[in-house]
Protein backbone atom coordinates (compact mmCIF):
# COMPACT_ATOMS: atom_id res chain seq x y z
CA UNK A 1 46.06 111.65 -10.57
CA UNK A 2 46.16 111.31 -14.32
CA UNK A 3 48.59 113.01 -16.70
CA UNK A 4 47.48 114.33 -20.07
CA UNK A 5 49.73 115.55 -22.98
CA UNK A 6 48.02 118.16 -25.05
CA UNK A 7 49.16 120.45 -27.81
CA UNK A 8 48.22 124.05 -27.77
CA UNK A 9 46.56 125.49 -30.79
CA UNK A 10 49.01 128.21 -31.39
CA UNK A 11 52.40 126.75 -30.63
CA UNK A 12 51.61 123.05 -30.83
CA UNK A 13 53.57 122.59 -27.58
CA UNK A 14 52.73 119.73 -25.26
CA UNK A 15 51.03 120.77 -22.14
CA UNK A 16 51.44 118.52 -19.13
CA UNK A 17 48.55 118.67 -16.85
CA UNK A 18 47.36 116.81 -13.88
CA UNK A 19 43.69 116.42 -13.48
CA UNK A 20 42.13 115.47 -10.37
CA UNK A 21 40.28 112.22 -10.26
CA UNK A 22 37.08 113.84 -9.10
CA UNK A 23 36.59 116.12 -12.22
CA UNK A 24 37.41 113.33 -14.65
CA UNK A 25 35.25 110.88 -12.88
CA UNK A 26 32.32 113.35 -12.90
CA UNK A 27 32.67 113.96 -16.69
CA UNK A 28 32.91 110.30 -17.47
CA UNK A 29 30.02 109.49 -15.22
CA UNK A 30 27.90 112.14 -16.98
CA UNK A 31 28.60 110.65 -20.42
CA UNK A 32 28.05 107.17 -19.15
CA UNK A 33 24.66 108.15 -17.66
CA UNK A 34 23.48 109.54 -21.00
CA UNK A 35 24.05 106.15 -22.58
CA UNK A 36 21.28 103.66 -22.81
CA UNK A 37 21.28 100.32 -21.23
CA UNK A 38 21.77 98.60 -24.55
CA UNK A 39 24.74 100.76 -25.42
CA UNK A 40 26.24 99.97 -22.02
CA UNK A 41 25.82 96.26 -22.62
CA UNK A 42 26.96 96.27 -26.17
CA UNK A 43 30.52 95.18 -26.70
CA UNK A 44 31.17 97.63 -29.42
CA UNK A 45 33.45 100.54 -28.57
CA UNK A 46 31.90 103.70 -27.46
CA UNK A 47 31.98 106.51 -29.90
CA UNK A 48 31.59 109.81 -28.34
CA UNK A 49 30.94 112.60 -30.62
CA UNK A 50 31.84 115.94 -29.42
CA UNK A 51 30.90 119.03 -31.03
CA UNK A 52 33.61 121.43 -31.95
CA UNK A 53 32.24 124.29 -29.95
CA UNK A 54 31.82 122.17 -26.91
CA UNK A 55 35.29 120.75 -27.57
CA UNK A 56 36.88 124.19 -27.65
CA UNK A 57 35.00 125.25 -24.61
CA UNK A 58 36.07 122.13 -22.91
CA UNK A 59 39.66 122.79 -23.99
CA UNK A 60 39.39 126.37 -22.88
CA UNK A 61 38.14 125.26 -19.53
CA UNK A 62 40.92 122.77 -19.38
CA UNK A 63 43.46 125.49 -20.13
CA UNK A 64 41.97 127.72 -17.46
CA UNK A 65 42.04 124.85 -15.01
CA UNK A 66 45.58 124.06 -16.10
CA UNK A 67 46.62 127.70 -15.56
CA UNK A 68 45.02 127.73 -12.15
CA UNK A 69 46.65 124.44 -11.42
CA UNK A 70 50.00 125.84 -12.54
CA UNK A 71 49.49 128.87 -10.32
CA UNK A 72 48.58 126.57 -7.46
CA UNK A 73 51.54 124.45 -8.29
CA UNK A 74 53.83 127.49 -8.22
CA UNK A 75 52.39 128.50 -4.88
CA UNK A 76 52.83 124.99 -3.61
CA UNK A 77 56.38 124.91 -4.99
CA UNK A 78 57.22 128.22 -3.21
CA UNK A 79 55.61 127.01 -0.01
CA UNK A 80 57.30 123.65 -0.37
CA UNK A 81 60.63 125.43 -1.02
CA UNK A 82 60.13 127.54 2.12
CA UNK A 83 59.12 124.54 4.11
CA UNK A 84 62.08 122.65 2.66
CA UNK A 85 64.42 125.44 3.69
CA UNK A 86 62.82 125.47 7.15
CA UNK A 87 63.15 121.70 7.33
CA UNK A 88 66.79 121.94 6.17
CA UNK A 89 67.59 124.54 8.82
CA UNK A 90 65.82 122.45 11.43
CA UNK A 91 67.70 119.43 10.17
CA UNK A 92 70.99 121.34 10.43
CA UNK A 93 70.14 122.49 13.94
CA UNK A 94 69.11 119.00 14.94
CA UNK A 95 72.24 117.63 13.33
CA UNK A 96 74.37 120.13 15.28
CA UNK A 97 72.51 119.34 18.48
CA UNK A 98 72.88 115.64 17.79
CA UNK A 99 76.57 116.14 17.10
CA UNK A 100 76.96 118.03 20.38
CA UNK A 101 75.00 115.38 22.20
CA UNK A 102 77.09 112.69 20.55
CA UNK A 103 80.27 114.51 21.62
CA UNK A 104 78.89 114.92 25.16
CA UNK A 105 77.92 111.27 25.22
CA UNK A 106 81.37 110.28 23.90
CA UNK A 107 83.01 112.43 26.60
CA UNK A 108 80.71 110.89 29.18
CA UNK A 109 81.56 107.45 27.87
CA UNK A 110 85.29 108.24 28.15
CA UNK A 111 84.74 109.62 31.65
CA UNK A 112 82.75 106.57 32.57
CA UNK A 113 85.54 104.40 31.18
CA UNK A 114 88.03 106.31 33.32
CA UNK A 115 85.69 106.09 36.29
CA UNK A 116 85.27 102.41 35.64
CA UNK A 117 89.06 102.00 35.53
CA UNK A 118 89.43 104.03 38.75
CA UNK A 119 86.61 102.01 40.33
CA UNK A 120 88.36 98.80 39.36
CA UNK A 121 91.61 100.16 40.78
CA UNK A 122 89.83 101.22 43.94
CA UNK A 123 88.22 97.81 44.10
CA UNK A 124 91.67 96.23 43.86
CA UNK A 125 92.97 98.66 46.48
CA UNK A 126 90.03 97.86 48.74
CA UNK A 127 90.63 94.15 48.27
CA UNK A 128 94.30 94.67 49.09
CA UNK A 129 93.27 96.75 52.10
CA UNK A 130 90.90 94.02 53.19
CA UNK A 131 93.63 91.44 52.81
CA UNK A 132 95.99 93.72 54.70
CA UNK A 133 93.41 94.21 57.44
CA UNK A 134 92.83 90.48 57.63
CA UNK A 135 96.57 89.91 57.88
CA UNK A 136 96.75 92.64 60.49
CA UNK A 137 93.91 91.04 62.46
CA UNK A 138 95.66 87.69 62.29
CA UNK A 139 98.95 89.23 63.35
CA UNK A 140 97.15 91.12 66.09
CA UNK A 141 95.57 87.89 67.32
CA UNK A 142 98.98 86.20 67.35
CA UNK A 143 100.40 89.22 69.17
CA UNK A 144 97.56 89.01 71.67
CA UNK A 145 98.33 85.37 72.29
CA UNK A 146 102.02 86.16 72.66
CA UNK A 147 101.27 89.08 74.98
CA UNK A 148 99.00 86.94 77.12
CA UNK A 149 101.73 84.31 77.39
CA UNK A 150 104.37 86.94 78.10
CA UNK A 151 102.01 88.58 80.59
CA UNK A 152 101.54 85.33 82.49
CA UNK A 153 105.28 84.73 82.44
CA UNK A 154 105.90 88.30 83.58
CA UNK A 155 103.37 87.84 86.39
CA UNK A 156 105.14 84.68 87.51
CA UNK A 157 108.51 86.40 87.33
CA UNK A 158 107.10 89.41 89.17
CA UNK A 159 105.72 87.15 91.90
CA UNK A 160 109.08 85.41 92.23
CA UNK A 161 110.82 88.78 92.23
CA UNK A 162 108.40 90.05 94.83
CA UNK A 163 109.19 87.11 97.10
CA UNK A 164 112.92 87.70 96.59
CA UNK A 165 112.43 91.40 97.27
CA UNK A 166 110.47 90.63 100.42
CA UNK A 167 113.22 88.33 101.72
CA UNK A 168 115.83 90.89 100.76
CA UNK A 169 113.85 93.66 102.44
CA UNK A 170 113.61 91.62 105.63
CA UNK A 171 117.39 91.03 105.54
CA UNK A 172 118.00 94.71 104.85
CA UNK A 173 115.73 95.69 107.70
CA UNK A 174 117.70 93.42 110.05
CA UNK A 175 120.98 94.85 108.80
CA UNK A 176 119.58 98.36 109.15
CA UNK A 177 118.60 97.64 112.75
CA UNK A 178 122.08 96.27 113.48
CA UNK A 179 123.67 99.31 111.85
CA UNK A 180 121.45 101.61 113.88
CA UNK A 181 122.62 99.85 117.02
CA UNK A 182 126.27 100.21 115.97
CA UNK A 183 125.71 103.88 115.16
CA UNK A 184 124.15 104.43 118.58
CA UNK A 185 127.07 102.65 120.23
CA UNK A 186 129.54 104.78 118.27
CA UNK A 187 127.63 107.93 119.19
CA UNK A 188 127.79 106.86 122.83
CA UNK A 189 131.55 106.23 122.54
CA UNK A 190 131.99 109.59 120.85
CA UNK A 191 130.08 111.25 123.64
CA UNK A 192 132.31 109.60 126.22
CA UNK A 193 135.45 110.63 124.35
CA UNK A 194 134.15 114.15 123.94
CA UNK A 195 133.56 114.26 127.68
CA UNK A 196 137.10 112.96 128.24
CA UNK A 197 138.47 115.63 125.88
CA UNK A 198 136.42 118.25 127.64
CA UNK A 199 137.91 117.16 130.96
CA UNK A 200 141.43 117.33 129.44
CA UNK A 201 140.69 120.81 128.11
CA UNK A 202 139.48 121.82 131.53
CA UNK A 203 142.74 120.54 133.04
CA UNK A 204 144.72 122.42 130.43
CA UNK A 205 142.72 125.54 131.07
CA UNK A 206 143.32 125.24 134.81
CA UNK A 207 147.04 124.69 134.28
CA UNK A 208 147.22 127.66 131.90
CA UNK A 209 145.46 129.77 134.50
CA UNK A 210 147.94 128.61 137.13
CA UNK A 211 150.78 129.49 134.72
CA UNK A 212 149.22 132.89 134.18
CA UNK A 213 149.14 133.36 137.92
CA UNK A 214 152.81 132.28 138.21
CA UNK A 215 154.00 134.59 135.41
CA UNK A 216 153.99 137.79 137.55
CA UNK A 217 155.88 135.85 140.24
CA UNK A 218 158.52 134.90 137.67
CA UNK A 219 158.66 138.46 136.43
CA UNK A 220 159.26 139.67 139.95
CA UNK A 221 161.99 137.07 140.32
CA UNK A 222 163.65 138.28 137.12
CA UNK A 223 163.50 141.87 138.32
CA UNK A 224 165.07 140.87 141.64
CA UNK A 225 167.75 139.00 139.74
CA UNK A 226 168.40 142.08 137.59
CA UNK A 227 168.69 144.25 140.69
CA UNK A 228 171.10 141.83 142.35
CA UNK A 229 173.17 141.74 139.15
CA UNK A 230 173.27 145.52 139.04
CA UNK A 231 174.36 145.64 142.68
CA UNK A 232 177.07 143.06 141.98
CA UNK A 233 178.14 145.07 138.95
CA UNK A 234 178.48 148.19 141.11
CA UNK A 235 180.52 146.22 143.64
CA UNK A 236 182.79 144.97 140.89
CA UNK A 237 183.25 148.51 139.61
CA UNK A 238 184.19 149.66 143.07
CA UNK A 239 186.73 146.85 143.33
CA UNK A 240 188.14 147.78 139.94
CA UNK A 241 188.49 151.41 141.04
CA UNK A 242 190.26 150.33 144.19
CA UNK A 243 192.63 148.11 142.17
CA UNK A 244 193.34 150.96 139.80
CA UNK A 245 194.50 153.10 142.66
CA UNK A 246 197.23 150.55 143.52
CA UNK A 247 200.47 151.26 141.72
CA UNK A 248 201.61 147.76 141.34
CA UNK A 249 201.90 146.53 137.78
CA UNK A 250 200.77 143.00 138.52
CA UNK A 251 197.71 144.30 140.18
CA UNK A 252 197.15 146.68 137.26
CA UNK A 253 197.51 143.90 134.73
CA UNK A 254 195.25 141.62 136.72
CA UNK A 255 192.74 144.40 137.19
CA UNK A 256 192.75 145.29 133.51
CA UNK A 257 192.35 141.70 132.40
CA UNK A 258 189.68 141.07 135.01
CA UNK A 259 187.96 144.31 134.04
CA UNK A 260 187.79 143.46 130.35
CA UNK A 261 186.61 139.90 131.06
CA UNK A 262 184.01 141.10 133.52
CA UNK A 263 182.88 143.83 131.13
CA UNK A 264 182.33 141.26 128.35
CA UNK A 265 180.53 138.91 130.71
CA UNK A 266 178.47 141.81 132.04
CA UNK A 267 177.45 142.75 128.49
CA UNK A 268 176.49 139.15 127.78
CA UNK A 269 174.59 138.95 131.02
CA UNK A 270 172.75 142.19 130.27
CA UNK A 271 171.84 140.79 126.83
CA UNK A 272 170.65 137.54 128.38
CA UNK A 273 168.65 139.44 130.99
CA UNK A 274 167.08 141.53 128.23
CA UNK A 275 166.24 138.36 126.34
CA UNK A 276 164.73 136.93 129.50
CA UNK A 277 162.63 140.04 129.93
CA UNK A 278 161.53 139.82 126.30
CA UNK A 279 160.76 136.15 126.70
CA UNK A 280 158.76 136.85 129.83
CA UNK A 281 156.72 139.37 127.88
CA UNK A 282 156.36 136.84 125.06
CA UNK A 283 155.19 134.25 127.60
CA UNK A 284 152.29 136.51 128.49
CA UNK A 285 151.38 136.74 124.79
CA UNK A 286 151.87 133.01 124.18
CA UNK A 287 149.53 131.84 126.95
CA UNK A 288 146.60 131.82 124.50
CA UNK A 289 148.69 129.91 121.94
CA UNK A 290 149.27 127.20 124.56
CA UNK A 291 145.52 126.42 124.51
CA UNK A 292 145.24 126.08 120.72
CA UNK A 293 148.53 124.77 119.30
CA UNK A 294 150.79 122.05 120.77
CA UNK A 295 153.65 122.79 118.40
CA UNK A 296 154.15 126.21 119.96
CA UNK A 297 154.33 124.52 123.33
CA UNK A 298 157.17 122.27 122.15
CA UNK A 299 159.04 125.24 120.68
CA UNK A 300 158.59 127.12 123.93
CA UNK A 301 159.98 124.12 125.85
CA UNK A 302 163.05 124.13 123.58
CA UNK A 303 163.53 127.82 124.19
CA UNK A 304 163.30 127.19 127.91
CA UNK A 305 165.94 124.49 127.57
CA UNK A 306 168.28 126.95 125.86
CA UNK A 307 167.59 129.45 128.58
CA UNK A 308 168.34 126.84 131.25
CA UNK A 309 171.66 126.05 129.57
CA UNK A 310 172.46 129.75 129.60
CA UNK A 311 171.45 129.96 133.25
CA UNK A 312 173.73 127.01 134.05
CA UNK A 313 176.66 128.76 132.33
CA UNK A 314 175.92 131.89 134.29
CA UNK A 315 175.76 129.86 137.48
CA UNK A 316 179.18 128.34 136.78
CA UNK A 317 180.59 131.83 136.38
CA UNK A 318 178.78 133.46 139.30
CA UNK A 319 179.16 130.72 141.88
CA UNK A 320 182.22 132.41 143.36
CA UNK A 321 180.63 135.88 143.26
CA UNK A 322 176.95 135.43 144.10
CA UNK A 323 175.85 132.04 145.50
CA UNK A 324 172.35 133.41 146.24
CA UNK A 325 171.63 134.10 142.56
CA UNK A 326 172.82 130.64 141.62
CA UNK A 327 170.42 129.03 144.08
CA UNK A 328 167.55 131.09 142.64
CA UNK A 329 168.44 130.09 139.10
CA UNK A 330 168.59 126.44 140.10
CA UNK A 331 165.14 126.72 141.66
CA UNK A 332 163.76 128.35 138.51
CA UNK A 333 165.33 125.70 136.30
CA UNK A 334 163.82 122.94 138.46
CA UNK A 335 160.41 124.62 138.21
CA UNK A 336 160.78 124.84 134.43
CA UNK A 337 161.67 121.18 134.30
CA UNK A 338 158.60 120.31 136.34
CA UNK A 339 156.42 122.37 133.99
CA UNK A 340 157.98 120.60 131.02
CA UNK A 341 157.47 117.19 132.63
CA UNK A 342 153.80 118.07 133.19
CA UNK A 343 153.25 119.37 129.63
CA UNK A 344 154.85 116.39 127.82
CA UNK A 345 152.31 113.71 128.92
CA UNK A 346 149.49 116.13 128.20
CA UNK A 347 150.80 116.59 124.66
CA UNK A 348 151.15 112.83 124.21
CA UNK A 349 147.62 112.16 125.44
CA UNK A 350 146.28 114.94 123.24
CA UNK A 351 148.04 113.47 120.20
CA UNK A 352 146.64 110.03 120.98
CA UNK A 353 143.17 111.51 121.42
CA UNK A 354 143.46 113.33 118.09
CA UNK A 355 144.49 110.11 116.36
CA UNK A 356 141.61 108.18 117.91
CA UNK A 357 139.21 110.96 116.96
CA UNK A 358 140.45 110.83 113.37
CA UNK A 359 140.04 107.05 113.21
CA UNK A 360 136.58 107.26 114.75
CA UNK A 361 135.59 110.01 112.33
CA UNK A 362 136.74 107.78 109.47
CA UNK A 363 134.73 104.85 110.81
CA UNK A 364 131.70 107.09 111.33
CA UNK A 365 131.97 108.48 107.78
CA UNK A 366 132.30 104.92 106.41
CA UNK A 367 129.27 103.81 108.40
CA UNK A 368 127.29 106.86 107.24
CA UNK A 369 128.22 106.07 103.63
CA UNK A 370 127.11 102.46 104.14
CA UNK A 371 123.85 103.64 105.69
CA UNK A 372 123.29 105.99 102.73
CA UNK A 373 124.00 103.18 100.27
CA UNK A 374 121.61 100.87 102.10
CA UNK A 375 118.95 103.60 102.16
CA UNK A 376 119.43 104.19 98.43
CA UNK A 377 119.16 100.45 97.72
CA UNK A 378 116.10 100.27 99.94
CA UNK A 379 114.51 103.22 98.14
CA UNK A 380 115.31 101.64 94.74
CA UNK A 381 113.80 98.33 95.83
CA UNK A 382 110.69 100.10 97.15
CA UNK A 383 110.35 102.12 93.92
CA UNK A 384 110.68 98.91 91.86
CA UNK A 385 108.05 97.21 94.03
CA UNK A 386 105.73 100.20 93.63
CA UNK A 387 106.25 100.19 89.87
CA UNK A 388 105.54 96.44 89.71
CA UNK A 389 102.40 96.89 91.81
CA UNK A 390 101.30 99.84 89.67
CA UNK A 391 101.90 97.89 86.45
CA UNK A 392 100.03 94.87 87.75
CA UNK A 393 97.10 97.07 88.83
CA UNK A 394 97.06 98.86 85.47
CA UNK A 395 97.27 95.59 83.54
CA UNK A 396 94.50 94.10 85.68
CA UNK A 397 92.40 97.19 84.94
CA UNK A 398 93.21 96.96 81.22
CA UNK A 399 92.06 93.34 80.95
CA UNK A 400 89.09 92.57 78.75
CA UNK A 401 85.73 92.93 80.42
CA UNK A 402 83.23 90.47 78.99
CA UNK A 403 79.75 91.76 78.31
CA UNK A 404 77.09 89.87 80.21
CA UNK A 405 73.32 90.17 80.60
CA UNK A 406 73.60 92.74 83.41
CA UNK A 407 75.65 95.03 81.14
CA UNK A 408 73.06 94.76 78.37
CA UNK A 409 70.17 95.49 80.73
CA UNK A 410 72.11 98.41 82.23
CA UNK A 411 72.82 99.87 78.79
CA UNK A 412 69.17 99.46 77.83
CA UNK A 413 68.09 101.20 81.03
CA UNK A 414 70.45 104.14 80.32
CA UNK A 415 69.23 104.44 76.73
CA UNK A 416 65.59 104.31 77.85
CA UNK A 417 66.11 107.08 80.41
CA UNK A 418 68.40 109.12 78.12
CA UNK A 419 71.33 109.25 80.57
CA UNK A 420 74.97 108.30 80.45
CA UNK A 421 76.10 105.13 82.11
CA UNK A 422 77.52 106.24 85.50
CA UNK A 423 78.84 102.77 86.37
CA UNK A 424 82.35 101.51 85.58
CA UNK A 425 82.64 97.74 85.46
CA UNK A 426 85.41 96.17 87.54
CA UNK A 427 84.39 92.49 87.59
CA UNK A 428 81.29 90.47 86.77
CA UNK A 429 78.50 91.99 88.85
CA UNK A 430 80.86 94.51 90.54
CA UNK A 431 80.83 98.16 89.47
CA UNK A 432 82.26 101.48 90.65
CA UNK A 433 79.91 104.41 91.21
CA UNK A 434 81.42 107.69 92.53
CA UNK A 435 84.41 105.84 94.06
CA UNK A 436 82.04 103.32 95.70
CA UNK A 437 81.98 99.60 95.03
CA UNK A 438 78.44 98.41 94.19
CA UNK A 439 77.01 95.00 93.33
CA UNK A 440 74.29 94.88 90.62
CA UNK A 441 72.02 91.82 90.36
CA UNK A 442 69.15 90.84 88.02
CA UNK A 443 65.89 89.99 89.81
CA UNK A 444 62.80 89.28 87.71
CA UNK A 445 64.38 91.06 84.72
CA UNK A 446 64.98 94.21 86.81
CA UNK A 447 68.28 95.61 88.04
CA UNK A 448 68.89 95.80 91.81
CA UNK A 449 71.83 97.72 93.35
CA UNK A 450 73.47 96.41 96.54
CA UNK A 451 75.59 98.72 98.66
CA UNK A 452 76.59 97.02 101.86
CA UNK A 453 73.49 95.38 103.34
CA UNK A 454 70.93 97.67 101.66
CA UNK A 455 69.55 96.60 98.26
CA UNK A 456 67.43 99.05 96.21
CA UNK A 457 66.16 99.11 92.61
CA UNK A 458 68.28 101.03 90.18
CA UNK A 459 65.56 103.68 89.63
CA UNK A 460 65.54 104.55 93.33
CA UNK A 461 69.31 104.30 93.55
CA UNK A 462 69.85 106.77 90.67
CA UNK A 463 66.67 108.80 91.51
CA UNK A 464 65.47 108.44 87.91
CA UNK A 465 61.79 108.80 86.94
CA UNK A 466 60.35 108.59 83.47
CA UNK A 467 57.85 111.41 84.09
CA UNK A 468 59.76 113.84 86.28
CA UNK A 469 63.22 113.37 84.75
CA UNK A 470 63.85 115.38 81.57
CA UNK A 471 66.15 113.92 78.90
CA UNK A 472 69.63 115.31 78.76
CA UNK A 473 69.75 115.37 74.95
CA UNK A 474 66.93 115.33 72.38
CA UNK A 475 66.86 113.58 69.01
CA UNK A 476 64.56 113.67 65.96
CA UNK A 477 64.29 109.91 65.61
CA UNK A 478 61.01 108.37 66.82
CA UNK A 479 62.70 105.48 68.58
CA UNK A 480 64.78 107.80 70.73
CA UNK A 481 61.77 109.87 71.63
CA UNK A 482 59.94 106.77 72.88
CA UNK A 483 63.01 105.60 74.79
CA UNK A 484 63.71 102.63 72.46
CA UNK A 485 66.63 101.53 70.39
CA UNK A 486 66.85 99.16 67.45
CA UNK A 487 70.02 97.51 68.72
CA UNK A 488 71.63 96.97 72.05
CA UNK A 489 74.88 98.85 72.71
CA UNK A 490 77.97 98.04 74.66
CA UNK A 491 78.20 99.00 78.32
CA UNK A 492 80.26 102.00 79.15
CA UNK A 493 83.47 101.22 80.95
CA UNK A 494 86.15 103.20 82.68
CA UNK A 495 88.50 105.22 80.42
CA UNK A 496 91.25 102.62 80.86
CA UNK A 497 89.05 99.62 80.00
CA UNK A 498 87.13 101.38 77.23
CA UNK A 499 90.05 101.00 74.83
CA UNK A 500 89.91 97.21 74.80
CA UNK A 501 86.15 96.81 74.63
CA UNK A 502 86.22 97.20 70.83
CA UNK A 503 88.71 94.32 70.44
CA UNK A 504 86.84 91.83 72.60
CA UNK A 505 84.51 89.03 71.70
CA UNK A 506 81.46 91.30 71.32
CA UNK A 507 83.04 93.65 68.83
CA UNK A 508 80.06 93.50 66.43
CA UNK A 509 77.54 94.61 69.07
CA UNK A 510 77.27 98.31 68.32
CA UNK A 511 74.34 100.60 68.91
CA UNK A 512 73.13 102.56 65.90
CA UNK A 513 70.75 104.88 67.71
CA UNK A 514 72.00 106.33 70.96
CA UNK A 515 71.59 109.66 72.71
CA UNK A 516 74.05 112.34 71.68
CA UNK A 517 75.86 112.16 74.99
CA UNK A 518 77.00 108.60 74.21
CA UNK A 519 79.85 108.86 71.70
CA UNK A 520 80.73 105.96 69.41
CA UNK A 521 84.25 107.04 68.72
CA UNK A 522 85.24 106.54 72.35
CA UNK A 523 84.59 102.80 72.02
CA UNK A 524 86.46 102.16 68.77
CA UNK A 525 88.89 105.08 68.62
CA UNK A 526 92.06 102.88 68.57
CA UNK A 527 90.87 101.00 65.46
CA UNK A 528 90.03 104.23 63.64
CA UNK A 529 93.34 105.80 64.60
CA UNK A 530 95.16 102.71 63.35
CA UNK A 531 93.17 102.78 60.09
CA UNK A 532 94.03 106.46 59.59
CA UNK A 533 97.66 105.80 60.37
CA UNK A 534 97.90 103.06 57.71
CA UNK A 535 95.84 104.77 54.99
């Protein structure tokens, strides 16, 4: 582009124009072509002579081209201004978007810094957790060693205690046998004494019956005595009447004194006779009391003694009047004394028997208490022995079961046939199947079950066939569908031994692909529970 400064004819103002290279080059080329070869070669400056008319036309054309160029320039300026505005708006939008993106990126960077910090903290926490777990594993190993040592010591102590308990039980059994013999002897003695007491009671009953039979005879005697006394009283009254008829004063005085004395004695005798009658009636009521209470018998004997003394006083008074009544009273008193003499030894023997019975009852109660104490001690010893046996059995069951080649082949067989392991390992080569003890042996890389004398392959023993037996649980993995597994799992054990399988020597042997019926958490549940408890 070339710039030209021209002055207009009218205003003499400079006109800035921009000519394109093509138009100028064409004009120059046309003038240069009109020149001759000599003029081209000559070093003298070219002198172009323009005519005025052609010059003005040329200028006019230039002005027209300049005007058109100005118009084009204006259009280009307007379009450039529009495009500039569009570009400015786009630039503003892009700047805003870039600012937003920068803010988002700065926020992300801050978040990532925070995440990085949290990750570092978590890394530290995980390292601390790993160190803690390592310390825990070490402490657990030391505890295992200590528990094994304490377990062996406890087993030795339990064995010693068992021997002591066995000796003590034998001694207690001997003592129990001796006590049983003593108890039988005491029961025999008690039976003999009860028989002796029964015989004494029979004698007492017979004597009471004889007394009951003699009571009406005594009553009749008392009535006869009352009648004789009434007759004597009538005779005395007749004598008194006869003495009253005599006029002599001495006789009157004697009669009066004798009358008053006899009247007082008669009243006393009537009272005593009435008391005798009452006592005879009371004797009939007291015959049952004689069988049950010995104290009433003694009181009755005392009452009889008082009555005898009264009878003796009456005899001393009536000996001159009625010797027959005195003889009867003496006979009755002698009979009462005989009855008393018979009752006294019976009471003494009964008291002795009661005392012996009390002492024997005390000895029997003491022996029964001793027997109860021995039975309680025996039951405690038996319960302790049972607890020791139960603990030893449980601890034997909870011992570690080492995984051997039979366990691995058995687990592989169960995984291939998609079944749970129905065997619970007790010892090496010994398993429990439905409460039956079975031996499993490897023969030519195949499992053989022995039950008693019979030995059968495990397929026939479990009635498992790959074609006829359907899988219990399905899985989408191809290895499970073909009956294969990438890794070999642990053998299933009983619920009591399954807890310690995860802490054994083969803790890292874990199956990744198993049927759904075989649960991983059952093998390592104590470790996971402990991990949850800590964290």
